[in-house]
Protein backbone atom coordinates (compact mmCIF):
# COMPACT_ATOMS: atom_id res chain seq x y z
CA MET A 1 -11.05 24.22 -43.88
CA THR A 2 -8.62 25.34 -46.23
CA PRO A 3 -6.79 23.12 -48.73
CA VAL A 4 -3.74 22.79 -47.05
CA SER A 5 -5.35 21.86 -43.78
CA ARG A 6 -7.35 19.30 -45.79
CA SER A 7 -4.47 17.90 -47.13
CA GLY A 8 -2.62 17.17 -44.01
CA GLN A 9 -5.96 15.71 -42.75
CA PHE A 10 -5.47 13.40 -45.81
CA ALA A 11 -2.09 12.81 -44.89
CA ARG A 12 -2.61 12.06 -40.98
CA HIS A 13 -6.01 9.64 -42.60
CA LEU A 14 -3.06 8.04 -44.66
CA ILE A 15 -0.45 7.23 -42.59
CA ALA A 16 -2.66 5.62 -40.02
CA TYR A 17 -3.93 3.57 -42.11
CA SER A 18 -1.20 2.88 -43.51
CA LEU A 19 0.74 2.51 -40.28
CA SER A 20 -1.91 -0.06 -39.73
CA GLU A 21 -1.63 -2.13 -43.32
CA ALA A 22 1.89 -2.01 -42.31
CA THR A 23 1.45 -3.46 -39.19
CA ALA A 24 -0.94 -6.18 -40.46
CA LYS A 25 1.28 -6.93 -43.19
CA ALA A 26 4.32 -7.25 -41.15
CA SER A 27 2.73 -9.40 -38.71
CA ARG A 28 1.32 -11.58 -41.02
CA LEU A 29 5.41 -11.58 -42.57
CA LEU A 30 6.24 -13.16 -39.51
CA VAL A 31 3.52 -15.92 -40.24
CA VAL A 32 4.72 -16.80 -43.56
CA VAL A 33 8.34 -16.88 -42.07
CA ALA A 34 6.45 -19.43 -38.91
CA VAL A 35 5.14 -21.11 -41.92
CA ALA A 36 7.89 -21.43 -44.51
CA ARG A 37 10.47 -22.98 -41.40
CA THR A 38 7.63 -25.44 -40.34
CA MET A 39 5.57 -26.74 -42.82
CA ASP A 40 5.72 -27.94 -46.54
CA ALA A 41 4.54 -26.20 -49.83
CA ALA A 42 2.06 -28.58 -50.16
CA SER A 43 0.13 -28.05 -46.54
CA ILE A 44 0.54 -24.18 -46.93
CA GLY A 45 -1.40 -24.82 -50.47
CA VAL A 46 -4.09 -26.41 -49.28
CA ALA A 47 -4.90 -24.08 -46.47
CA ALA A 48 -4.25 -21.36 -49.67
CA ALA A 49 -7.01 -22.99 -50.90
CA ALA A 50 -9.25 -22.52 -48.51
CA LEU A 51 -8.35 -18.72 -47.40
CA ALA A 52 -8.62 -18.10 -51.57
CA ALA A 53 -11.99 -19.43 -51.62
CA SER A 54 -13.27 -18.10 -48.21
CA ASP A 55 -11.59 -14.31 -49.34
CA ILE A 56 -13.71 -14.41 -52.67
CA LEU A 57 -17.00 -14.96 -50.48
CA LYS A 58 -15.95 -12.81 -47.69
CA ALA A 59 -15.78 -9.98 -50.50
CA LEU A 60 -19.76 -10.68 -50.37
CA THR A 61 -20.27 -8.79 -47.29
CA GLU A 62 -19.01 -5.26 -49.06
CA ASN A 63 -22.44 -4.15 -50.13
CA GLY A 64 -22.06 -0.62 -50.15
CA ALA A 65 -24.46 0.19 -47.51
CA GLY A 66 -21.70 1.42 -45.27
CA GLN A 67 -20.40 3.85 -47.82
CA ARG A 68 -24.01 5.06 -47.67
CA ILE A 69 -23.69 5.72 -44.06
CA ILE A 70 -20.59 7.60 -44.59
CA ALA A 71 -21.81 9.65 -47.49
CA ALA A 72 -25.46 10.55 -46.07
CA ARG A 73 -27.00 14.48 -45.00
CA ASP A 74 -27.38 14.71 -41.73
CA LYS A 75 -31.31 14.79 -41.80
CA ASP A 76 -31.18 11.17 -43.13
CA LEU A 77 -28.28 9.28 -41.26
CA ALA A 78 -30.91 7.84 -38.44
CA ALA A 79 -33.26 6.05 -41.08
CA THR A 80 -30.16 5.46 -43.19
CA CYS A 81 -28.27 3.28 -40.42
CA ARG A 82 -31.86 1.54 -39.35
CA THR A 83 -31.95 -0.22 -43.10
CA ALA A 84 -28.19 -0.73 -43.15
CA ARG A 85 -28.50 -3.03 -39.97
CA ARG A 86 -31.18 -5.06 -41.78
CA ILE A 87 -28.95 -5.44 -44.53
CA PHE A 88 -26.02 -6.13 -42.62
CA THR A 89 -27.35 -8.58 -40.32
CA ALA A 90 -30.19 -10.71 -43.08
CA TRP A 91 -26.76 -10.32 -45.75
CA CYS A 92 -24.05 -11.78 -43.01
CA LEU A 93 -26.44 -14.52 -42.20
CA GLY A 94 -27.33 -15.74 -45.84
CA LEU A 95 -23.21 -15.61 -46.06
CA PHE A 96 -22.51 -17.76 -43.27
CA ALA A 97 -25.14 -20.19 -44.92
CA LEU A 98 -23.84 -19.72 -48.55
CA GLN A 99 -19.96 -20.59 -47.36
CA ILE A 100 -20.78 -23.38 -45.33
CA ALA A 101 -23.07 -24.60 -48.44
CA VAL A 102 -20.09 -24.11 -50.85
CA GLY A 103 -17.37 -26.21 -48.51
CA ALA A 104 -20.00 -28.98 -48.47
CA ALA A 105 -20.24 -28.47 -52.43
CA ILE A 106 -16.19 -28.77 -52.86
CA TRP A 107 -16.23 -31.73 -50.58
CA ALA A 108 -18.72 -33.80 -52.13
CA MET A 109 -16.68 -32.55 -55.52
CA THR A 110 -13.40 -33.82 -54.11
CA GLY A 111 -14.16 -36.03 -50.88
CA ASP A 112 -11.72 -33.61 -48.91
CA ALA A 113 -13.27 -33.12 -45.47
CA VAL A 114 -10.33 -30.86 -44.27
CA VAL A 115 -11.06 -28.35 -47.16
CA PHE A 116 -14.57 -28.21 -46.04
CA GLY A 117 -13.93 -27.83 -41.85
CA LEU A 118 -11.75 -25.03 -42.87
CA ILE A 119 -13.68 -23.25 -45.29
CA ALA A 120 -16.83 -23.79 -42.58
CA ILE A 121 -14.95 -22.73 -39.49
CA LEU A 122 -14.21 -19.43 -41.73
CA ALA A 123 -17.56 -19.15 -42.06
CA GLY A 124 -17.76 -17.93 -38.36
CA GLU A 125 -16.49 -14.78 -39.33
CA TYR A 126 -19.70 -13.72 -40.55
CA LEU A 127 -21.72 -14.47 -37.04
CA PHE A 128 -19.65 -11.49 -35.33
CA MET A 129 -20.15 -8.98 -38.24
CA PRO A 130 -23.30 -7.54 -38.00
CA GLY A 131 -22.99 -6.23 -34.57
CA GLY A 132 -20.51 -4.28 -35.78
CA LEU A 133 -20.73 -2.90 -38.91
CA VAL A 134 -22.98 0.22 -38.35
CA GLN A 135 -20.14 1.27 -36.03
CA CYS A 136 -17.62 1.10 -38.11
CA ALA A 137 -19.06 3.20 -40.63
CA LEU A 138 -20.22 5.92 -38.20
CA ALA A 139 -16.79 6.32 -37.02
CA MET A 140 -15.31 6.68 -40.24
CA ARG A 141 -17.86 9.59 -41.14
CA ALA A 142 -16.97 11.17 -37.52
CA GLY A 143 -12.89 11.34 -38.96
CA LYS A 144 -12.37 8.79 -36.37
CA MET A 145 -9.75 7.39 -39.11
CA ARG A 146 -6.92 6.10 -37.09
CA GLN A 147 -8.93 4.55 -34.01
CA THR A 148 -10.41 2.21 -37.08
CA ALA A 149 -7.40 1.68 -38.45
CA ALA A 150 -5.85 0.72 -35.02
CA ILE A 151 -8.84 -1.88 -34.53
CA SER A 152 -8.33 -3.12 -37.73
CA ALA A 153 -4.61 -3.42 -37.27
CA GLY A 154 -5.46 -4.82 -33.46
CA GLN A 155 -7.42 -7.76 -35.01
CA VAL A 156 -4.80 -9.07 -37.73
CA VAL A 157 -2.28 -8.93 -35.50
CA GLY A 158 -4.11 -10.64 -33.33
CA ALA A 159 -4.88 -13.62 -35.34
CA ASN A 160 -1.19 -13.36 -36.85
CA ALA A 161 0.28 -13.59 -33.71
CA ALA A 162 -1.91 -16.26 -33.35
CA THR A 163 -1.29 -17.96 -36.48
CA ALA A 164 2.32 -17.66 -35.56
CA VAL A 165 2.37 -19.29 -32.63
CA LEU A 166 0.00 -22.63 -34.01
CA ALA A 167 2.11 -22.62 -36.89
CA LEU A 168 5.20 -23.53 -33.97
CA VAL A 169 3.03 -26.11 -31.98
CA MET A 170 1.15 -27.79 -34.18
CA PRO A 171 1.99 -27.51 -38.38
CA GLY A 172 -0.68 -27.63 -40.41
CA PRO A 173 -3.81 -26.47 -42.61
CA LEU A 174 -5.51 -25.57 -39.35
CA ALA A 175 -2.87 -23.00 -38.26
CA LEU A 176 -3.38 -20.77 -41.04
CA VAL A 177 -7.18 -20.63 -40.61
CA LEU A 178 -8.81 -20.97 -36.95
CA PRO A 179 -7.08 -18.00 -36.07
CA ARG A 180 -9.37 -15.79 -37.85
CA LEU A 181 -12.22 -16.75 -36.30
CA MET A 182 -10.66 -16.34 -32.80
CA ALA A 183 -9.26 -12.99 -33.65
CA ALA A 184 -13.09 -11.67 -34.86
CA PRO A 185 -14.61 -11.06 -31.58
CA ILE A 186 -11.60 -8.59 -30.61
CA TRP A 187 -12.97 -6.37 -34.07
CA LEU A 188 -16.48 -6.62 -32.52
CA VAL A 189 -15.81 -5.91 -29.11
CA ALA A 190 -13.46 -2.66 -29.85
CA MET A 191 -15.29 -1.21 -32.70
CA ARG A 192 -18.89 -1.29 -30.05
CA ARG A 193 -16.82 0.92 -27.67
CA LEU A 194 -15.11 3.00 -30.21
CA HIS A 195 -18.57 4.81 -31.27
CA PRO A 196 -21.33 3.10 -29.21
CA TRP A 197 -24.80 3.56 -31.37
CA ARG A 198 -28.86 1.85 -30.92
CA ILE A 199 -31.20 2.25 -33.02
CA ASP A 200 -33.88 5.12 -33.59
CA ARG A 201 -37.12 3.36 -33.60
CA ARG A 202 -38.73 6.54 -33.62
CA VAL A 203 -37.58 6.92 -37.33
CA PRO A 204 -38.67 5.01 -40.19
CA PRO A 205 -35.92 2.92 -41.85
CA ALA A 206 -34.46 4.51 -44.77
CA PRO A 207 -36.26 2.90 -48.28
CA LEU A 208 -33.86 0.01 -49.59
CA ARG A 209 -34.09 1.25 -53.23
CA PRO A 210 -31.37 3.49 -53.15
CA PHE A 211 -29.27 0.93 -51.53
CA VAL A 212 -29.92 -2.00 -54.11
CA GLY A 213 -28.98 0.80 -56.96
CA TYR A 214 -25.46 1.71 -55.56
CA GLY A 215 -24.69 -1.30 -54.06
CA LEU A 216 -25.58 -4.30 -56.44
CA PRO A 217 -22.23 -2.24 -58.86
CA VAL A 218 -20.55 -2.12 -55.30
CA LEU A 219 -20.87 -5.62 -54.31
CA GLY A 220 -19.73 -6.69 -58.11
CA VAL A 221 -16.74 -4.57 -57.67
CA GLU A 222 -15.62 -6.07 -54.43
CA VAL A 223 -16.82 -9.69 -55.44
CA VAL A 224 -14.66 -8.89 -58.86
CA LYS A 225 -11.66 -6.92 -56.85
CA ALA A 226 -11.30 -10.48 -54.67
CA MET A 227 -11.58 -12.39 -57.91
CA ARG A 228 -8.46 -11.00 -59.19
CA LEU A 229 -6.88 -11.18 -56.18
CA GLN A 230 -7.19 -14.52 -55.57
CA ALA A 231 -8.61 -16.08 -58.40
CA ASP A 232 -4.98 -16.68 -59.92
CA LYS A 233 -4.44 -19.01 -56.49
CA LEU A 234 -7.09 -21.36 -57.24
CA VAL A 235 -6.30 -21.55 -61.23
CA VAL A 236 -3.12 -22.41 -60.24
CA GLY A 237 -3.82 -25.01 -57.40
CA VAL A 238 -5.61 -26.40 -60.31
CA LEU A 239 -3.12 -26.51 -62.81
CA MET A 240 0.00 -26.66 -61.04
CA GLY A 241 -1.01 -28.72 -57.62
CA PRO A 242 -0.72 -27.96 -54.12
CA GLU A 243 3.15 -27.90 -53.77
CA ALA A 244 3.52 -24.89 -56.98
CA LEU A 245 0.19 -23.11 -55.00
CA GLY A 246 1.92 -22.88 -51.51
CA LEU A 247 5.08 -21.67 -53.25
CA TYR A 248 2.94 -18.73 -55.19
CA PHE A 249 1.19 -18.35 -52.19
CA MET A 250 4.52 -17.01 -50.18
CA ALA A 251 5.69 -15.61 -52.70
CA PHE A 252 2.38 -13.36 -53.01
CA ASN A 253 2.28 -12.47 -49.32
CA ALA A 254 5.88 -11.30 -49.29
CA GLY A 255 5.46 -9.41 -52.05
CA LEU A 256 2.23 -8.18 -53.26
CA GLY A 257 0.41 -9.11 -50.44
CA LEU A 258 3.07 -6.50 -48.54
CA ALA A 259 3.23 -3.89 -50.78
CA ASN A 260 -0.19 -4.11 -51.80
CA SER A 261 -1.19 -2.95 -48.23
CA PHE A 262 -0.11 0.81 -49.17
CA SER A 263 -2.93 0.56 -51.73
CA GLN A 264 -5.83 -0.76 -49.66
CA ALA A 265 -4.92 2.53 -46.49
CA PHE A 266 -4.87 4.93 -50.09
CA SER A 267 -8.90 3.46 -50.82
CA VAL A 268 -9.68 3.38 -46.97
CA ALA A 269 -8.69 6.94 -46.50
CA LEU A 270 -9.36 8.60 -49.58
CA PHE A 271 -13.11 8.22 -49.74
CA PRO A 272 -14.24 9.71 -46.44
CA HIS A 273 -11.80 12.48 -47.75
CA LEU A 274 -13.67 13.03 -51.61
CA CYS A 275 -17.43 12.57 -50.05
CA SER A 276 -16.40 15.68 -47.65
CA ALA A 277 -14.44 17.80 -50.36
CA ARG A 278 -15.91 21.04 -52.31
CA ASP A 279 -13.59 20.43 -55.05
CA ARG A 280 -12.91 16.60 -55.28
CA GLY A 281 -10.55 16.83 -58.73
CA ARG A 282 -7.92 18.74 -56.66
CA ASP A 283 -8.60 17.21 -53.51
CA LEU A 284 -8.31 14.03 -55.77
CA ARG A 285 -5.11 15.16 -57.74
CA ARG A 286 -2.97 16.10 -54.10
CA ALA A 287 -4.61 13.21 -52.25
CA LEU A 288 -2.92 10.98 -55.54
CA GLY A 289 0.52 12.91 -55.82
CA LEU A 290 1.09 12.61 -52.12
CA SER A 291 0.59 9.04 -51.96
CA ILE A 292 2.77 8.43 -55.28
CA GLY A 293 5.93 10.28 -53.92
CA VAL A 294 5.44 8.09 -50.45
CA ILE A 295 4.27 4.61 -51.95
CA ALA A 296 6.59 4.29 -54.83
CA PRO A 297 9.45 4.49 -53.45
CA VAL A 298 8.98 2.19 -50.69
CA VAL A 299 7.40 -0.40 -53.22
CA VAL A 300 10.59 -0.38 -55.34
CA LEU A 301 13.21 -0.37 -52.25
CA GLN A 302 10.98 -3.70 -51.13
CA ALA A 303 11.48 -5.08 -54.51
CA LEU A 304 15.15 -4.46 -54.50
CA ALA A 305 15.43 -5.61 -50.97
CA ALA A 306 13.87 -8.91 -51.90
CA PRO A 307 16.96 -11.16 -52.32
CA VAL A 308 18.23 -10.24 -49.12
CA TYR A 309 15.36 -10.77 -47.39
CA VAL A 310 13.40 -13.65 -48.53
CA PRO A 311 16.34 -16.04 -47.73
CA PHE A 312 16.96 -14.52 -44.40
CA LEU A 313 13.46 -14.81 -42.87
CA PHE A 314 12.38 -17.68 -44.58
CA GLY A 315 15.06 -20.45 -44.97
CA THR A 316 17.53 -20.38 -47.65
CA GLU A 317 15.73 -23.13 -49.20
CA TRP A 318 13.42 -20.32 -50.50
CA GLY A 319 15.79 -18.02 -51.53
CA ASP A 320 14.82 -18.67 -55.62
CA MET A 321 11.27 -17.52 -54.63
CA SER A 322 12.88 -13.81 -54.05
CA THR A 323 12.77 -13.09 -58.22
CA ILE A 324 8.94 -13.53 -57.49
CA VAL A 325 8.66 -11.53 -54.80
CA ALA A 326 10.50 -8.44 -55.93
CA ILE A 327 8.71 -8.73 -59.14
CA LEU A 328 5.40 -8.74 -57.54
CA CYS A 329 6.08 -6.08 -55.48
CA LEU A 330 6.08 -3.65 -58.22
CA ALA A 331 2.47 -4.51 -58.99
CA ALA A 332 1.54 -2.12 -56.25
CA ILE A 333 2.22 0.90 -57.99
CA PRO A 334 -0.45 0.87 -60.85
CA GLY A 335 -3.32 -0.32 -58.18
CA VAL A 336 -2.12 2.99 -56.40
CA ILE A 337 -3.38 4.78 -59.55
CA TRP A 338 -5.99 3.16 -60.18
CA SER A 339 -7.73 3.02 -56.24
CA ALA A 340 -7.33 6.73 -56.95
CA ALA A 341 -9.88 6.44 -59.88
CA ALA A 342 -11.97 4.13 -58.30
CA GLN A 343 -12.65 6.21 -54.78
CA TRP A 344 -13.47 9.19 -57.18
CA LEU A 345 -16.03 7.38 -59.02
CA ARG A 346 -17.46 6.00 -55.92
CA ALA A 347 -17.98 9.32 -54.36
CA GLU A 348 -19.21 10.64 -57.37
CA GLY A 349 -21.91 7.84 -57.11
CA ARG A 350 -20.87 6.18 -60.34
CA PRO A 351 -19.71 2.36 -59.24
CA GLN A 352 -21.11 0.80 -62.76
CA ARG A 353 -17.83 2.02 -64.49
CA GLU A 354 -15.52 1.19 -61.85
CA LEU A 355 -17.03 -2.72 -61.99
CA ALA A 356 -16.74 -2.20 -65.92
CA VAL A 357 -12.74 -2.25 -65.24
CA THR A 358 -12.25 -4.09 -62.56
CA LEU A 359 -14.12 -6.83 -64.45
CA GLY A 360 -12.05 -6.24 -66.92
CA VAL A 361 -8.65 -6.20 -65.24
CA THR A 362 -9.68 -9.61 -63.38
CA VAL A 363 -10.28 -11.57 -66.75
CA ALA A 364 -7.02 -10.25 -67.57
CA LEU A 365 -5.07 -11.38 -64.69
CA ILE A 366 -7.01 -14.68 -64.87
CA ALA A 367 -6.23 -15.36 -68.76
CA ASN A 368 -2.56 -14.46 -67.65
CA THR A 369 -2.70 -17.30 -65.19
CA VAL A 370 -3.86 -19.57 -67.21
CA LEU A 371 -1.49 -18.84 -70.26
CA MET A 372 1.54 -18.46 -68.08
CA ALA A 373 1.24 -20.99 -65.56
CA PRO A 374 3.12 -23.49 -67.93
CA PHE A 375 6.44 -21.69 -68.24
CA GLY A 376 6.83 -21.60 -64.55
CA LEU A 377 5.88 -18.86 -61.32
CA THR A 378 8.71 -16.61 -62.73
CA ALA A 379 7.12 -16.30 -65.79
CA LEU A 380 3.45 -16.08 -64.49
CA ALA A 381 4.69 -13.52 -61.63
CA TRP A 382 5.92 -11.00 -64.95
CA GLY A 383 2.80 -11.58 -66.81
CA TYR A 384 1.18 -10.45 -63.83
CA LEU A 385 2.85 -7.26 -63.28
CA ALA A 386 2.82 -6.91 -66.72
CA VAL A 387 -0.78 -7.51 -67.64
CA ALA A 388 -1.77 -5.65 -64.04
CA THR A 389 0.05 -2.39 -65.02
CA VAL A 390 -1.42 -1.98 -68.54
CA THR A 391 -4.69 -3.11 -67.93
CA GLN A 392 -4.87 -0.60 -64.59
CA LEU A 393 -3.26 2.31 -66.03
CA ALA A 394 -5.70 2.25 -68.96
CA GLY A 395 -8.74 2.44 -66.97
CA ALA A 396 -7.52 4.77 -64.71
CA LEU A 397 -5.87 7.60 -67.12
CA PRO A 398 -8.77 8.61 -68.82
CA ILE A 399 -10.91 8.66 -65.69
CA LEU A 400 -8.32 10.71 -63.58
CA ALA A 401 -7.77 13.70 -66.42
CA ALA A 402 -11.36 13.95 -66.39
CA ALA A 403 -11.66 14.49 -63.07
CA PHE A 404 -8.95 16.94 -62.52
CA ALA A 405 -10.30 19.14 -65.49
CA THR A 406 -13.38 19.64 -64.16
CA PRO A 407 -14.22 20.75 -60.69
CA SER A 408 -16.46 18.41 -58.79
CA PRO A 409 -18.22 20.09 -55.84
CA ARG A 410 -19.55 17.90 -52.94
CA SER A 411 -23.37 16.68 -53.25
CA ALA A 412 -26.05 17.94 -51.08
């Protein structure tokens, strides 16, 4: 495949996942609108705490097994899939039990049975995941990026539509949580139909050790990444109370949550693209240039439009939140640059360095939350933007410079 056709293929995959993420986040925005007009900030804060704790634990599902399937040689694929399925099943059942235990511990420490109930409901998602994760990775390996993007968007949009309805019919924290469990079967059925797969019992399972050696750093990266996105909410809740957490949760979803969807789409589309590249440095440079050229203007426009769409969508009483939303939008741009470097490291089999940088970014952002919280949410948002920009660019630029300078052929 020529460089031009490969760039076109990546562009199509990026557009597919960007549209998927944009659709999902747009539907999420409808949820935020419904919630803003039916629930008080304190109730939103209670649900936000449960969602943040659940999302941190859910990051443990990203154990690198799916990426081992995508990058596997054809002759090793059946064995790799057998071992990956075993890992997914044991892992997800373990996470279900762990999340129930975490919820019980929070109940014992705080006496808040509502938060325990919310966390327990969210744990039900893990029971649906093992049956479709191998199929998802195989579909991405086969180039079915647009289809997997559509399925992911359908799951999220379905959950968000149900949330919006429940927020209007029965306002309360349960309306933000229950739809996630309701939408899990949508993803499972669709993924199994997209790429049918059965275990080939004639082939012995692949050795576990390569999965562990690759998966542990990837797992660490995903957990730390989830901490980066969610831990500040928990800190805000502890230091500033549920009402401030509710306001911050709304601003985060309307600002960085929407803008960051492009960064997430970029990461998902880039990894398979780099795994199949003959010259990863060249393909990385072209993919990053294309993505920045598209994403940066959109993010800037969203930030500039925040003073208009925030009070229009959420109501005039939320108008003061527009500055926070605008600031958080801009943090998506350095996130795209770091995502490019991180996916190159994964394709090169070096997730350990990604883990080190992601850990540093996360610690810095949590420290910013602790230090800036006493000065209010606007100061906190400015600190988030500054710290995210400096730390992610400092981590990404040396990696990208090395990647661009040295051709990196696909490993056999």
